[in-house]
């Protein structure tokens, strides 16, 4: 199970992703939709570890992986 809790990233004064909490359960299909510039790719990059969150956390199978690098997250199976 993958979960984000209040995941946020700011670029200067611009908030690109604002306190997004979501659970992705095994065996379910989930879509993230929105217009261009809504923060979908940025949200994905926060989950994958390509970007570091300004606030909030990412959890995989009950483990807080927020501080882990992208390769560490990949090694966990993300």
N, C-alpha and C. Protein backbone atom coordinates (compact mmCIF):
# COMPACT_ATOMS: atom_id res chain seq x y z
N UNK A 1 0.83 -1.17 0.00
CA UNK A 1 0.00 0.00 0.00
C UNK A 1 0.88 1.24 0.00
N UNK A 2 0.52 2.20 -0.80
CA UNK A 2 1.23 3.47 -0.91
C UNK A 2 0.33 4.57 -0.40
N UNK A 3 0.88 5.46 0.40
CA UNK A 3 0.07 6.54 0.97
C UNK A 3 0.89 7.82 1.04
N UNK A 4 0.24 8.95 0.73
CA UNK A 4 0.85 10.25 0.98
C UNK A 4 0.00 10.95 2.03
N UNK A 5 0.67 11.68 2.91
CA UNK A 5 -0.02 12.41 3.98
C UNK A 5 0.41 13.87 3.93
N UNK A 6 -0.52 14.73 3.57
CA UNK A 6 -0.29 16.18 3.53
C UNK A 6 0.95 16.54 2.73
N UNK A 7 1.19 15.84 1.63
CA UNK A 7 2.38 16.06 0.82
C UNK A 7 2.32 17.43 0.15
N UNK A 8 3.38 18.20 0.33
CA UNK A 8 3.44 19.58 -0.14
C UNK A 8 4.82 19.88 -0.69
N UNK A 9 4.87 20.68 -1.75
CA UNK A 9 6.14 21.21 -2.22
C UNK A 9 5.93 22.65 -2.67
N UNK A 10 6.88 23.47 -2.27
CA UNK A 10 6.87 24.89 -2.63
C UNK A 10 8.12 25.19 -3.45
N UNK A 11 7.95 25.99 -4.46
CA UNK A 11 9.07 26.52 -5.24
C UNK A 11 9.04 28.03 -5.04
N UNK A 12 9.84 28.51 -4.10
CA UNK A 12 9.76 29.93 -3.75
C UNK A 12 8.39 30.21 -3.15
N UNK A 13 7.67 31.17 -3.71
CA UNK A 13 6.35 31.51 -3.22
C UNK A 13 5.23 30.71 -3.86
N UNK A 14 5.56 29.83 -4.80
CA UNK A 14 4.56 29.04 -5.52
C UNK A 14 4.39 27.66 -4.87
N UNK A 15 3.17 27.31 -4.51
CA UNK A 15 2.87 25.98 -3.97
C UNK A 15 2.40 25.11 -5.13
N UNK A 16 3.22 24.12 -5.50
CA UNK A 16 2.92 23.26 -6.65
C UNK A 16 2.02 22.09 -6.27
N UNK A 17 2.23 21.53 -5.09
CA UNK A 17 1.40 20.46 -4.55
C UNK A 17 1.08 20.87 -3.12
N UNK A 18 -0.20 20.91 -2.78
CA UNK A 18 -0.62 21.51 -1.51
C UNK A 18 -1.36 20.50 -0.62
N UNK A 19 -0.62 19.90 0.30
CA UNK A 19 -1.19 19.03 1.35
C UNK A 19 -2.06 17.90 0.78
N UNK A 20 -1.50 17.13 -0.16
CA UNK A 20 -2.25 16.04 -0.78
C UNK A 20 -2.10 14.77 0.05
N UNK A 21 -3.24 14.23 0.47
CA UNK A 21 -3.29 12.95 1.19
C UNK A 21 -4.07 11.97 0.32
N UNK A 22 -3.48 10.80 0.09
CA UNK A 22 -4.13 9.81 -0.77
C UNK A 22 -3.58 8.43 -0.44
N UNK A 23 -4.43 7.41 -0.55
CA UNK A 23 -4.02 6.01 -0.36
C UNK A 23 -4.23 5.27 -1.67
N UNK A 24 -3.24 4.49 -2.04
CA UNK A 24 -3.30 3.66 -3.23
C UNK A 24 -3.23 2.21 -2.77
N UNK A 25 -4.34 1.50 -2.88
CA UNK A 25 -4.44 0.13 -2.38
C UNK A 25 -4.09 -0.87 -3.48
N UNK A 26 -3.46 -1.99 -3.11
CA UNK A 26 -3.17 -3.04 -4.09
C UNK A 26 -4.46 -3.54 -4.74
N UNK A 27 -4.38 -3.81 -6.03
CA UNK A 27 -5.52 -4.36 -6.75
C UNK A 27 -6.55 -3.34 -7.18
N UNK A 28 -6.26 -2.06 -6.95
CA UNK A 28 -7.18 -1.02 -7.38
C UNK A 28 -6.51 -0.17 -8.45
N UNK A 29 -7.32 0.40 -9.30
CA UNK A 29 -6.83 1.31 -10.34
C UNK A 29 -7.19 2.72 -9.91
N UNK A 30 -6.17 3.57 -9.82
CA UNK A 30 -6.38 4.95 -9.40
C UNK A 30 -5.81 5.87 -10.46
N UNK A 31 -6.53 6.91 -10.80
CA UNK A 31 -6.06 7.89 -11.79
C UNK A 31 -5.91 9.25 -11.11
N UNK A 32 -4.84 9.95 -11.45
CA UNK A 32 -4.63 11.32 -11.01
C UNK A 32 -4.88 12.19 -12.24
N UNK A 33 -5.92 13.00 -12.19
CA UNK A 33 -6.29 13.81 -13.36
C UNK A 33 -6.33 15.29 -12.99
N UNK A 34 -6.14 16.11 -14.00
CA UNK A 34 -6.22 17.56 -13.81
C UNK A 34 -5.65 18.24 -15.03
N UNK A 35 -5.86 19.54 -15.12
CA UNK A 35 -5.35 20.29 -16.28
C UNK A 35 -3.83 20.43 -16.25
N UNK A 36 -3.28 20.88 -17.37
CA UNK A 36 -1.85 21.17 -17.43
C UNK A 36 -1.48 22.14 -16.31
N UNK A 37 -0.37 21.85 -15.64
CA UNK A 37 0.10 22.74 -14.58
C UNK A 37 -0.55 22.51 -13.23
N UNK A 38 -1.38 21.46 -13.11
CA UNK A 38 -2.08 21.21 -11.85
C UNK A 38 -1.20 20.56 -10.79
N UNK A 39 -0.05 19.98 -11.19
CA UNK A 39 0.87 19.37 -10.23
C UNK A 39 0.92 17.85 -10.27
N UNK A 40 0.33 17.24 -11.30
CA UNK A 40 0.30 15.76 -11.38
C UNK A 40 1.71 15.18 -11.46
N UNK A 41 2.53 15.69 -12.35
CA UNK A 41 3.90 15.18 -12.51
C UNK A 41 4.72 15.49 -11.28
N UNK A 42 4.55 16.65 -10.72
CA UNK A 42 5.27 17.02 -9.50
C UNK A 42 4.90 16.08 -8.36
N UNK A 43 3.63 15.74 -8.24
CA UNK A 43 3.16 14.79 -7.22
C UNK A 43 3.85 13.44 -7.42
N UNK A 44 3.87 12.95 -8.65
CA UNK A 44 4.55 11.69 -8.95
C UNK A 44 6.03 11.77 -8.57
N UNK A 45 6.69 12.88 -8.91
CA UNK A 45 8.10 13.04 -8.60
C UNK A 45 8.36 13.10 -7.10
N UNK A 46 7.41 13.62 -6.33
CA UNK A 46 7.53 13.59 -4.86
C UNK A 46 7.42 12.16 -4.34
N UNK A 47 6.47 11.41 -4.88
CA UNK A 47 6.28 10.02 -4.45
C UNK A 47 7.51 9.19 -4.78
N UNK A 48 8.06 9.37 -5.98
CA UNK A 48 9.19 8.55 -6.43
C UNK A 48 10.52 8.96 -5.80
N UNK A 49 10.56 10.13 -5.18
CA UNK A 49 11.81 10.59 -4.56
C UNK A 49 12.66 11.46 -5.46
N UNK A 50 12.17 11.79 -6.64
CA UNK A 50 12.92 12.67 -7.54
C UNK A 50 12.96 14.10 -7.00
N UNK A 51 11.92 14.47 -6.25
CA UNK A 51 11.86 15.77 -5.59
C UNK A 51 11.68 15.55 -4.10
N UNK A 52 12.22 16.46 -3.29
CA UNK A 52 12.07 16.39 -1.84
C UNK A 52 10.90 17.28 -1.42
N UNK A 53 10.03 16.73 -0.61
CA UNK A 53 8.84 17.46 -0.15
C UNK A 53 9.21 18.59 0.80
N UNK A 54 8.46 19.68 0.71
CA UNK A 54 8.59 20.77 1.68
C UNK A 54 7.91 20.39 2.99
N UNK A 55 6.87 19.57 2.89
CA UNK A 55 6.14 19.11 4.08
C UNK A 55 5.40 17.83 3.71
N UNK A 56 4.96 17.11 4.73
CA UNK A 56 4.21 15.89 4.50
C UNK A 56 5.09 14.66 4.44
N UNK A 57 4.47 13.52 4.10
CA UNK A 57 5.22 12.27 4.11
C UNK A 57 4.68 11.29 3.08
N UNK A 58 5.55 10.32 2.75
CA UNK A 58 5.22 9.22 1.83
C UNK A 58 5.45 7.93 2.59
N UNK A 59 4.46 7.03 2.53
CA UNK A 59 4.56 5.75 3.25
C UNK A 59 4.34 4.61 2.27
N UNK A 60 5.17 3.58 2.38
CA UNK A 60 5.05 2.38 1.56
C UNK A 60 4.99 1.18 2.49
N UNK A 61 3.91 0.42 2.40
CA UNK A 61 3.71 -0.75 3.25
C UNK A 61 3.90 -0.43 4.73
N UNK A 62 3.42 0.74 5.14
CA UNK A 62 3.48 1.13 6.54
C UNK A 62 4.78 1.77 6.98
N UNK A 63 5.77 1.87 6.09
CA UNK A 63 7.07 2.46 6.41
C UNK A 63 7.14 3.88 5.85
N UNK A 64 7.61 4.81 6.67
CA UNK A 64 7.80 6.18 6.21
C UNK A 64 9.07 6.22 5.37
N UNK A 65 8.91 6.49 4.08
CA UNK A 65 10.05 6.49 3.16
C UNK A 65 10.37 7.92 2.69
N UNK A 66 9.82 8.91 3.35
CA UNK A 66 9.97 10.30 2.94
C UNK A 66 11.43 10.71 2.80
N UNK A 67 12.29 10.29 3.70
CA UNK A 67 13.70 10.70 3.68
C UNK A 67 14.56 9.84 2.76
N UNK A 68 13.99 8.79 2.18
CA UNK A 68 14.77 7.89 1.33
C UNK A 68 14.93 8.46 -0.08
N UNK A 69 16.06 8.12 -0.69
CA UNK A 69 16.34 8.55 -2.05
C UNK A 69 15.50 7.76 -3.05
N UNK A 70 15.49 8.22 -4.29
CA UNK A 70 14.77 7.50 -5.35
C UNK A 70 15.29 6.06 -5.50
N UNK A 71 16.62 5.82 -5.52
CA UNK A 71 17.09 4.44 -5.62
C UNK A 71 16.66 3.57 -4.43
N UNK A 72 16.64 4.14 -3.23
CA UNK A 72 16.21 3.38 -2.06
C UNK A 72 14.73 3.00 -2.19
N UNK A 73 13.93 3.92 -2.67
CA UNK A 73 12.50 3.65 -2.86
C UNK A 73 12.30 2.57 -3.92
N UNK A 74 13.08 2.63 -4.97
CA UNK A 74 13.01 1.61 -6.02
C UNK A 74 13.38 0.25 -5.45
N UNK A 75 14.40 0.20 -4.64
CA UNK A 75 14.84 -1.06 -4.01
C UNK A 75 13.72 -1.64 -3.14
N UNK A 76 12.91 -0.80 -2.53
CA UNK A 76 11.77 -1.26 -1.72
C UNK A 76 10.62 -1.77 -2.57
N UNK A 77 10.68 -1.51 -3.88
CA UNK A 77 9.65 -2.00 -4.78
C UNK A 77 8.66 -0.96 -5.25
N UNK A 78 8.97 0.30 -4.99
CA UNK A 78 8.06 1.36 -5.43
C UNK A 78 8.09 1.53 -6.93
